[in-house]
Amino acid sequence: MMNKFFIALLLSCITYSSFAQQPPTPKTTNNFTLQDCINYGYEHQNALVNAKLDVLSADYKVKETIGIGLPQVNGSISFQDYLKTPTVIFGTQKFSIYQKYNSIFGATLNQIIFDGTYLVGLKASRTYKDLYDKSFTRTKIESKVSITKAYYMVLVSNEQIKLLDADLTQLKQQVEQTEAGNKQGFVEKIDVDRIKFQLNNLQTTKDNIVRLLDLNYQLLKFQMGMPVEEELILKDKLSDVNMQMDATDNVDTTFYKKRIEYSLYETNVQLNQLDLKRKKAQYLPGLYAVANVGDQFQNNSIGNLFSTNFPSAYVGLSLNIPIFAGFQHKYQIKQTEINLQKAKNDLYDLKNALNLQANSAKISYINSLKSLENQKQNQALAQEVLMVTKIKYQQGVGSSIEVTQAQTAMEDADNKYIQSLYDVLISKVDLDKAYGKIN
């Protein structure tokens, strides 16, 4: 018995070990260009998924409206037990045309032949579908913009880390040289401490940027709709990004018509116009066809109720002519006319707003380009000043304070260059969006 116990225990341990040693599921690694990220977002970002569902729902709404104009067939079944049958007086005689028990089976068909409100409503439903198509396009554009900006933020953070690594390498060499000089008695201990202090601060800055880089990757994945646990590697480089001035050349003066926002407002005007037509169509008569077939059963005995039937059938037309509705239609039309004018006013204001936005984006883009060019020059100057300052210090004609100040100026120039680089990339995206180049 004891041997069986140990054998069972051993088998259970082996089984557990085999499960415990199974390799974890590897993380998915994605090597994506910017366009790959955008395409991924189109398929996985929930805002876009919901926008697609809205388009599908709007398509069903159109089909629902079309269905109103198709033949409408309804069946009916009724049963009556007359506790007291109705009577008819004919001269001095009373008699009843009803039996105690009655049942009717029937079917009725209704068909619109002409209804002005239905015809306008059918056209409005298609315009309504168009509105959701354009809303989906707007969501795609917003998704592309947010993904592009997040992608650029990661690229800029990587560039900043490269600059910090170069500065750290330079500072570490300087620390080694200063410590060697201190050991030989040529450099004071305070000079070593001063440079180490600067090195520690720069290392802390880099560590902070590395942690922020991880956060930037998570932000990019969030904008794409990608699970944060998946690994994402960016294939594009900053050198691949076109940051030239041609983005503002040969711009059509009617560029605002390319903006999806303008198209959405135009569709809103169209919907208000159709609503006005629908309200006016209420004054038109409506013509409808109707048909009915049925069987009526009557008997004084419920057991024999269905022994005899009396079939009936008819077809006909129904013409509804509006005559007077207490001026309701008149004032409904007045309200709709006001809504239409407001929609036109909104469209006009949007045109001016889009022009203002484009001009503002253009100025911001030009300013950021000029700033970037200036910061590149400042970087080169700061590097040259640092190099000269180091030479002077090594030759004994300069001070460590001057080297520290030059190093600080170099780091400041790098930071301003990174900020200018980011500003150019973001303003470029905003400019393309403002001129309707993102679709």
Protein backbone atom coordinates (compact mmCIF):
# COMPACT_ATOMS: atom_id res chain seq x y z
CA MET A 1 0.00 0.00 0.00
CA MET A 2 2.81 2.39 0.87
CA ASN A 3 4.57 1.66 -2.46
CA LYS A 4 1.40 2.42 -4.38
CA PHE A 5 1.13 5.71 -2.54
CA PHE A 6 4.68 6.75 -3.47
CA ILE A 7 4.15 5.67 -7.10
CA ALA A 8 0.98 7.76 -7.34
CA LEU A 9 2.73 10.73 -5.71
CA LEU A 10 5.67 10.41 -8.13
CA LEU A 11 3.35 10.27 -11.15
CA SER A 12 1.46 13.35 -9.95
CA CYS A 13 4.75 15.24 -9.52
CA ILE A 14 5.90 14.23 -13.01
CA THR A 15 2.55 15.32 -14.48
CA TYR A 16 2.66 18.66 -12.65
CA SER A 17 6.26 19.19 -13.72
CA SER A 18 5.39 18.54 -17.38
CA PHE A 19 2.65 21.17 -17.18
CA ALA A 20 4.80 23.63 -15.25
CA GLN A 21 7.66 23.36 -17.74
CA GLN A 22 5.52 24.13 -20.79
CA PRO A 23 6.92 27.24 -22.49
CA PRO A 24 4.78 30.35 -22.20
CA THR A 25 2.95 31.53 -25.29
CA PRO A 26 5.34 33.80 -27.15
CA LYS A 27 4.40 37.43 -27.56
CA THR A 28 3.45 38.59 -31.01
CA THR A 29 6.13 40.78 -32.56
CA ASN A 30 4.97 43.36 -35.09
CA ASN A 31 7.45 45.16 -37.36
CA PHE A 32 5.31 48.02 -38.63
CA THR A 33 5.76 51.02 -40.85
CA LEU A 34 3.55 54.02 -40.20
CA GLN A 35 1.13 52.84 -42.88
CA ASP A 36 1.06 49.38 -41.29
CA CYS A 37 0.06 50.95 -37.99
CA ILE A 38 -2.67 52.97 -39.69
CA ASN A 39 -4.02 49.91 -41.51
CA TYR A 40 -3.98 47.94 -38.26
CA GLY A 41 -5.91 50.75 -36.57
CA TYR A 42 -8.52 50.70 -39.34
CA GLU A 43 -9.28 47.10 -38.48
CA HIS A 44 -8.93 47.07 -34.69
CA GLN A 45 -9.63 50.52 -33.26
CA ASN A 46 -12.99 50.35 -31.50
CA ALA A 47 -14.05 53.83 -32.61
CA LEU A 48 -13.72 52.69 -36.23
CA VAL A 49 -15.36 49.33 -35.53
CA ASN A 50 -18.34 51.16 -34.03
CA ALA A 51 -18.43 53.59 -36.97
CA LYS A 52 -18.60 50.60 -39.33
CA LEU A 53 -21.49 49.23 -37.30
CA ASP A 54 -23.25 52.61 -37.58
CA VAL A 55 -22.90 52.42 -41.38
CA LEU A 56 -24.34 48.91 -41.36
CA SER A 57 -27.21 50.05 -39.14
CA ALA A 58 -27.91 52.99 -41.49
CA ASP A 59 -28.02 50.57 -44.42
CA TYR A 60 -30.64 48.53 -42.57
CA LYS A 61 -32.55 51.76 -41.94
CA VAL A 62 -32.70 52.41 -45.70
CA LYS A 63 -34.00 48.90 -46.28
CA GLU A 64 -36.55 49.39 -43.53
CA THR A 65 -37.82 52.55 -45.25
CA ILE A 66 -37.98 50.79 -48.61
CA GLY A 67 -40.02 48.07 -46.94
CA ILE A 68 -42.73 50.59 -46.03
CA GLY A 69 -43.51 50.97 -49.75
CA LEU A 70 -43.75 47.23 -50.36
CA PRO A 71 -47.10 45.38 -50.03
CA GLN A 72 -48.18 45.04 -46.42
CA VAL A 73 -50.12 41.83 -45.72
CA ASN A 74 -51.81 41.18 -42.39
CA GLY A 75 -53.85 38.18 -41.28
CA SER A 76 -56.63 38.25 -38.70
CA ILE A 77 -58.69 35.78 -36.74
CA SER A 78 -61.67 36.75 -34.62
CA PHE A 79 -64.24 34.93 -32.52
CA GLN A 80 -67.43 36.29 -30.94
CA ASP A 81 -69.88 34.69 -28.55
CA TYR A 82 -72.96 36.89 -28.60
CA LEU A 83 -74.52 36.69 -25.17
CA LYS A 84 -77.32 38.65 -26.78
CA THR A 85 -77.40 38.82 -30.55
CA PRO A 86 -78.06 42.23 -32.15
CA THR A 87 -81.45 42.64 -33.81
CA VAL A 88 -82.64 44.61 -36.80
CA ILE A 89 -86.09 46.26 -36.94
CA PHE A 90 -87.82 45.87 -40.28
CA GLY A 91 -91.27 47.42 -40.19
CA THR A 92 -92.92 46.01 -37.09
CA GLN A 93 -90.76 42.91 -37.06
CA LYS A 94 -87.55 42.26 -35.19
CA PHE A 95 -85.07 39.72 -36.37
CA SER A 96 -81.38 38.96 -36.03
CA ILE A 97 -78.91 38.39 -38.85
CA TYR A 98 -76.30 36.99 -36.43
CA GLN A 99 -75.90 33.56 -34.98
CA LYS A 100 -74.76 33.15 -31.38
CA TYR A 101 -71.23 32.11 -32.40
CA ASN A 102 -69.20 33.91 -35.05
CA SER A 103 -65.65 33.52 -36.32
CA ILE A 104 -63.83 35.27 -39.14
CA PHE A 105 -60.53 34.32 -40.83
CA GLY A 106 -59.14 36.98 -43.16
CA ALA A 107 -56.14 38.60 -44.79
CA THR A 108 -55.73 42.21 -45.87
CA LEU A 109 -53.23 43.67 -48.33
CA ASN A 110 -52.31 47.37 -48.39
CA GLN A 111 -50.11 48.98 -51.02
CA ILE A 112 -48.94 52.57 -51.36
CA ILE A 113 -49.60 53.87 -54.85
CA PHE A 114 -48.68 57.49 -54.19
CA ASP A 115 -47.62 59.13 -50.95
CA GLY A 116 -45.48 62.26 -51.18
CA THR A 117 -44.13 61.97 -47.65
CA TYR A 118 -43.03 58.39 -48.31
CA LEU A 119 -41.17 59.29 -51.52
CA VAL A 120 -39.31 62.13 -49.79
CA GLY A 121 -38.63 59.93 -46.78
CA LEU A 122 -37.13 57.28 -49.03
CA LYS A 123 -34.68 59.80 -50.49
CA ALA A 124 -33.93 61.15 -47.01
CA SER A 125 -33.08 57.66 -45.75
CA ARG A 126 -30.41 57.33 -48.46
CA THR A 127 -29.02 60.74 -47.53
CA TYR A 128 -29.07 59.57 -43.92
CA LYS A 129 -26.97 56.56 -44.99
CA ASP A 130 -24.59 58.93 -46.78
CA LEU A 131 -24.24 60.91 -43.54
CA TYR A 132 -23.01 57.82 -41.70
CA ASP A 133 -20.65 56.93 -44.54
CA LYS A 134 -19.08 60.36 -44.16
CA SER A 135 -19.01 60.03 -40.37
CA PHE A 136 -17.07 56.80 -40.84
CA THR A 137 -14.62 58.63 -43.10
CA ARG A 138 -14.18 61.35 -40.47
CA THR A 139 -13.44 58.69 -37.84
CA LYS A 140 -10.86 57.13 -40.18
CA ILE A 141 -9.18 60.51 -40.62
CA GLU A 142 -9.10 61.15 -36.88
CA SER A 143 -7.68 57.66 -36.36
CA LYS A 144 -4.98 58.24 -38.96
CA VAL A 145 -4.04 61.57 -37.39
CA SER A 146 -3.84 60.20 -33.84
CA ILE A 147 -1.81 57.14 -34.93
CA THR A 148 0.56 59.28 -37.01
CA LYS A 149 1.20 61.68 -34.14
CA ALA A 150 1.79 58.82 -31.70
CA TYR A 151 4.15 57.13 -34.19
CA TYR A 152 6.15 60.34 -34.61
CA MET A 153 6.33 60.76 -30.84
CA VAL A 154 8.03 57.37 -30.55
CA LEU A 155 10.47 58.24 -33.35
CA VAL A 156 11.35 61.55 -31.69
CA SER A 157 11.81 59.86 -28.30
CA ASN A 158 14.20 57.37 -29.88
CA GLU A 159 16.12 60.24 -31.48
CA GLN A 160 16.32 62.00 -28.12
CA ILE A 161 17.75 58.86 -26.50
CA LYS A 162 20.40 58.67 -29.23
CA LEU A 163 21.47 62.24 -28.50
CA LEU A 164 21.50 61.56 -24.76
CA ASP A 165 23.63 58.45 -25.31
CA ALA A 166 26.13 60.50 -27.30
CA ASP A 167 26.24 63.17 -24.57
CA LEU A 168 26.63 60.50 -21.88
CA THR A 169 29.50 58.87 -23.76
CA GLN A 170 31.17 62.24 -24.04
CA LEU A 171 30.64 63.04 -20.37
CA LYS A 172 31.92 59.64 -19.22
CA GLN A 173 35.12 60.18 -21.18
CA GLN A 174 35.43 63.59 -19.61
CA VAL A 175 34.93 62.12 -16.13
CA GLU A 176 37.67 59.55 -16.78
CA GLN A 177 40.05 62.24 -18.03
CA THR A 178 39.25 64.52 -15.09
CA GLU A 179 39.73 61.74 -12.54
CA ALA A 180 43.06 60.85 -14.15
CA GLY A 181 44.11 64.49 -13.93
CA ASN A 182 43.05 64.62 -10.30
CA LYS A 183 45.17 61.59 -9.45
CA GLN A 184 48.14 63.25 -11.08
CA GLY A 185 47.47 66.45 -9.14
CA PHE A 186 46.60 68.59 -12.15
CA VAL A 187 42.84 68.79 -11.46
CA GLU A 188 41.03 69.65 -8.26
CA LYS A 189 38.56 67.26 -6.65
CA ILE A 190 35.76 69.80 -7.02
CA ASP A 191 36.17 69.65 -10.81
CA VAL A 192 35.65 65.88 -10.70
CA ASP A 193 32.58 66.24 -8.49
CA ARG A 194 31.14 68.93 -10.75
CA ILE A 195 31.38 66.75 -13.86
CA LYS A 196 30.07 63.67 -12.03
CA PHE A 197 27.12 65.72 -10.83
CA GLN A 198 26.37 66.68 -14.41
CA LEU A 199 26.77 63.05 -15.54
CA ASN A 200 24.33 61.82 -12.88
CA ASN A 201 21.73 64.40 -13.90
CA LEU A 202 22.08 63.48 -17.55
CA GLN A 203 21.77 59.76 -16.75
CA THR A 204 18.61 60.48 -14.76
CA THR A 205 17.21 62.43 -17.71
CA LYS A 206 17.89 59.52 -20.03
CA ASP A 207 16.29 57.01 -17.63
CA ASN A 208 13.18 59.22 -17.49
CA ILE A 209 13.01 59.43 -21.29
CA VAL A 210 13.39 55.64 -21.59
CA ARG A 211 10.42 55.15 -19.26
CA LEU A 212 8.44 57.75 -21.21
CA LEU A 213 9.34 55.93 -24.42
CA ASP A 214 7.66 52.81 -23.09
CA LEU A 215 4.59 54.91 -22.31
CA ASN A 216 4.69 56.39 -25.83
CA TYR A 217 4.70 52.88 -27.27
CA GLN A 218 1.66 52.05 -25.15
CA LEU A 219 -0.08 55.20 -26.38
CA LEU A 220 0.61 54.21 -29.99
CA LYS A 221 -0.77 50.72 -29.37
CA PHE A 222 -3.84 52.23 -27.73
CA GLN A 223 -4.46 54.48 -30.73
CA MET A 224 -4.11 51.43 -32.98
CA GLY A 225 -6.33 49.19 -30.87
CA MET A 226 -3.41 46.82 -30.30
CA PRO A 227 -3.06 44.87 -27.01
CA VAL A 228 -0.32 46.49 -24.93
CA GLU A 229 1.35 43.14 -24.27
CA GLU A 230 2.20 42.69 -27.96
CA GLU A 231 5.63 43.83 -29.07
CA LEU A 232 5.78 46.64 -31.60
CA ILE A 233 8.89 47.60 -33.58
CA LEU A 234 8.82 50.68 -35.81
CA LYS A 235 10.38 50.24 -39.23
CA ASP A 236 10.19 53.86 -40.40
CA LYS A 237 12.94 56.36 -39.61
CA LEU A 238 12.81 60.11 -39.17
CA SER A 239 14.73 60.45 -42.42
CA ASP A 240 11.76 58.83 -44.20
CA VAL A 241 9.43 61.66 -43.23
CA ASN A 242 8.93 64.41 -45.79
CA MET A 243 9.15 67.74 -43.98
CA GLN A 244 9.60 70.00 -47.01
CA MET A 245 7.74 73.21 -47.74
CA ASP A 246 5.93 71.73 -50.75
CA ALA A 247 3.14 70.80 -48.37
CA THR A 248 1.82 74.38 -48.72
CA ASP A 249 2.46 74.85 -52.45
CA ASN A 250 -0.28 74.94 -55.11
CA VAL A 251 -3.14 74.76 -52.65
CA ASP A 252 -6.58 75.04 -54.25
CA THR A 253 -8.57 77.96 -52.82
CA THR A 254 -11.58 75.65 -52.50
CA PHE A 255 -9.58 73.15 -50.45
CA TYR A 256 -12.20 73.37 -47.68
CA LYS A 257 -14.55 71.31 -49.88
CA LYS A 258 -12.11 68.40 -49.47
CA ARG A 259 -12.59 68.49 -45.71
CA ILE A 260 -14.92 65.77 -44.52
CA GLU A 261 -16.34 68.18 -41.94
CA TYR A 262 -17.57 70.46 -44.74
CA SER A 263 -19.13 67.51 -46.54
CA LEU A 264 -20.90 66.47 -43.33
CA TYR A 265 -22.38 69.95 -42.94
CA GLU A 266 -23.48 69.89 -46.59
CA THR A 267 -25.28 66.62 -45.94
CA ASN A 268 -26.94 68.18 -42.92
CA VAL A 269 -28.26 70.98 -45.16
CA GLN A 270 -29.57 68.36 -47.60
CA LEU A 271 -31.37 66.54 -44.80
CA ASN A 272 -33.03 69.77 -43.71
CA GLN A 273 -34.07 70.47 -47.30
CA LEU A 274 -35.59 67.02 -47.59
CA ASP A 275 -37.36 67.47 -44.27
CA LEU A 276 -38.89 70.67 -45.64
CA LYS A 277 -40.06 68.81 -48.76
CA ARG A 278 -41.55 66.10 -46.58
CA LYS A 279 -43.49 68.63 -44.55
CA LYS A 280 -44.82 70.29 -47.72
CA ALA A 281 -45.75 66.87 -49.14
CA GLN A 282 -48.24 66.50 -46.29
CA TYR A 283 -50.55 68.79 -48.30
CA LEU A 284 -50.64 66.28 -51.17
CA PRO A 285 -53.29 63.55 -51.37
CA GLY A 286 -52.29 59.95 -50.82
CA LEU A 287 -53.54 57.04 -52.92
CA TYR A 288 -53.51 53.49 -51.57
CA ALA A 289 -54.70 50.13 -52.83
CA VAL A 290 -56.40 47.65 -50.52
CA ALA A 291 -57.53 44.04 -50.90
CA ASN A 292 -59.20 41.64 -48.47
CA VAL A 293 -60.23 37.99 -48.45
CA GLY A 294 -61.93 36.18 -45.63
CA ASP A 295 -64.20 33.41 -44.44
CA GLN A 296 -66.97 34.00 -41.93
CA PHE A 297 -68.45 31.20 -39.87
CA GLN A 298 -71.79 31.43 -37.94
CA ASN A 299 -73.81 28.93 -36.00
CA ASN A 300 -75.95 28.78 -32.88
CA SER A 301 -74.05 25.66 -31.84
CA ILE A 302 -70.39 26.04 -31.09
CA GLY A 303 -69.78 22.44 -32.07
CA ASN A 304 -71.08 23.16 -35.60
CA LEU A 305 -69.50 26.63 -35.87
CA PHE A 306 -67.10 25.72 -38.66
CA SER A 307 -69.52 23.49 -40.60
CA THR A 308 -70.62 26.35 -42.87
CA ASN A 309 -68.60 29.27 -44.10
CA PHE A 310 -69.48 32.49 -45.91
CA PRO A 311 -66.49 33.64 -48.00
CA SER A 312 -65.94 37.25 -48.98
CA ALA A 313 -63.35 39.19 -50.95
CA TYR A 314 -62.86 42.73 -52.21
CA VAL A 315 -60.34 45.07 -53.78
CA GLY A 316 -60.40 48.83 -53.63
CA LEU A 317 -58.69 52.17 -53.59
CA SER A 318 -58.34 54.67 -50.78
CA LEU A 319 -57.71 58.35 -51.47
CA ASN A 320 -56.78 60.56 -48.52
CA ILE A 321 -57.16 64.30 -49.20
CA PRO A 322 -55.84 66.67 -46.50
CA ILE A 323 -58.31 69.53 -46.00
CA PHE A 324 -57.66 71.24 -42.70
CA ALA A 325 -55.36 70.28 -39.81
CA GLY A 326 -55.56 73.34 -37.58
CA PHE A 327 -52.57 75.06 -39.29
CA GLN A 328 -50.23 72.40 -37.84
CA HIS A 329 -48.55 71.71 -41.18
CA LYS A 330 -48.11 75.42 -41.84
CA TYR A 331 -46.18 76.03 -38.64
CA GLN A 332 -44.22 72.79 -38.97
CA ILE A 333 -43.00 74.09 -42.33
CA LYS A 334 -42.06 77.45 -40.75
CA GLN A 335 -39.99 75.68 -38.09
CA THR A 336 -38.28 73.49 -40.68
CA GLU A 337 -37.45 76.54 -42.80
CA ILE A 338 -35.76 78.07 -39.76
CA ASN A 339 -33.75 74.88 -39.17
CA LEU A 340 -32.70 74.88 -42.83
CA GLN A 341 -31.48 78.48 -42.62
CA LYS A 342 -29.55 77.71 -39.44
CA ALA A 343 -27.90 74.73 -41.18
CA LYS A 344 -26.87 76.99 -44.08
CA ASN A 345 -25.47 79.54 -41.62
CA ASP A 346 -23.49 76.80 -39.89
CA LEU A 347 -22.08 75.70 -43.25
CA TYR A 348 -20.96 79.27 -44.02
CA ASP A 349 -19.32 79.63 -40.59
CA LEU A 350 -17.58 76.29 -41.05
CA LYS A 351 -16.09 77.45 -44.35
CA ASN A 352 -14.57 80.49 -42.63
CA ALA A 353 -13.39 78.37 -39.69
CA LEU A 354 -11.68 75.87 -42.01
CA ASN A 355 -9.92 78.69 -43.87
CA LEU A 356 -8.76 80.17 -40.57
CA GLN A 357 -7.60 76.75 -39.37
CA ALA A 358 -5.62 76.17 -42.57
CA ASN A 359 -3.92 79.59 -42.36
CA SER A 360 -3.07 79.00 -38.72
CA ALA A 361 -1.69 75.53 -39.49
CA LYS A 362 0.40 76.94 -42.34
CA ILE A 363 1.95 79.62 -40.15
CA SER A 364 2.65 77.13 -37.36
CA TYR A 365 4.29 74.78 -39.84
CA ILE A 366 6.49 77.50 -41.35
CA ASN A 367 7.48 78.75 -37.90
CA SER A 368 8.34 75.27 -36.69
CA LEU A 369 10.46 74.63 -39.80
CA LYS A 370 12.38 77.86 -39.24
CA SER A 371 12.82 77.00 -35.58
CA LEU A 372 14.11 73.53 -36.46
CA GLU A 373 16.62 74.98 -38.88
CA ASN A 374 17.78 77.42 -36.23
CA GLN A 375 18.10 74.70 -33.59
CA LYS A 376 20.21 72.58 -35.94
CA GLN A 377 22.60 75.52 -36.28
CA ASN A 378 22.59 76.02 -32.51
CA GLN A 379 23.42 72.35 -32.05
CA ALA A 380 26.45 72.65 -34.31
CA LEU A 381 27.57 75.84 -32.55
CA ALA A 382 27.12 74.32 -29.10
CA GLN A 383 29.14 71.28 -30.15
CA GLU A 384 31.93 73.49 -31.46
CA VAL A 385 31.94 75.63 -28.30
CA LEU A 386 32.12 72.51 -26.13
CA MET A 387 35.02 71.13 -28.16
CA VAL A 388 36.99 74.41 -27.96
CA THR A 389 36.24 74.75 -24.24
CA LYS A 390 37.54 71.25 -23.57
CA ILE A 391 40.74 71.94 -25.49
CA LYS A 392 41.31 75.15 -23.54
CA TYR A 393 40.67 73.32 -20.26
CA GLN A 394 43.09 70.53 -21.20
CA GLN A 395 45.74 73.12 -22.08
CA GLY A 396 45.25 74.86 -18.75
CA VAL A 397 43.86 78.12 -20.15
CA GLY A 398 40.22 77.38 -19.29
CA SER A 399 38.22 76.39 -16.24
CA SER A 400 36.05 73.39 -15.49
CA ILE A 401 33.14 75.75 -14.95
CA GLU A 402 33.39 76.84 -18.57
CA VAL A 403 33.36 73.19 -19.66
CA THR A 404 30.32 72.51 -17.48
CA GLN A 405 28.52 75.55 -18.88
CA ALA A 406 29.36 74.51 -22.43
CA GLN A 407 28.12 70.97 -21.73
CA THR A 408 24.89 72.37 -20.28
CA ALA A 409 24.46 74.57 -23.35
CA MET A 410 24.95 71.52 -25.55
CA GLU A 411 22.30 69.56 -23.69
CA ASP A 412 19.94 72.53 -23.87
CA ALA A 413 20.51 72.79 -27.64
CA ASP A 414 19.76 69.08 -28.02
CA ASN A 415 16.53 69.41 -26.02
CA LYS A 416 15.38 72.39 -28.08
CA TYR A 417 16.23 70.54 -31.27
CA ILE A 418 14.12 67.56 -30.17
CA GLN A 419 11.23 69.85 -29.27
CA SER A 420 11.49 71.65 -32.62
CA LEU A 421 11.65 68.34 -34.45
CA TYR A 422 8.49 67.15 -32.73
CA ASP A 423 6.76 70.47 -33.44
CA VAL A 424 7.56 70.19 -37.15
CA LEU A 425 6.20 66.66 -37.38
CA ILE A 426 2.99 67.45 -35.52
CA SER A 427 2.39 70.73 -37.38
CA LYS A 428 2.95 68.85 -40.66
CA VAL A 429 0.18 66.42 -39.75
CA ASP A 430 -2.10 69.28 -38.69
CA LEU A 431 -1.36 71.11 -41.96
CA ASP A 432 -2.16 68.08 -44.11
CA LYS A 433 -5.40 67.61 -42.20
CA ALA A 434 -6.29 71.30 -42.52
CA TYR A 435 -5.90 71.18 -46.33
CA GLY A 436 -7.90 67.97 -46.64
CA LYS A 437 -4.90 65.87 -47.69
CA ILE A 438 -5.61 63.16 -45.12
CA ASN A 439 -8.43 60.87 -46.16
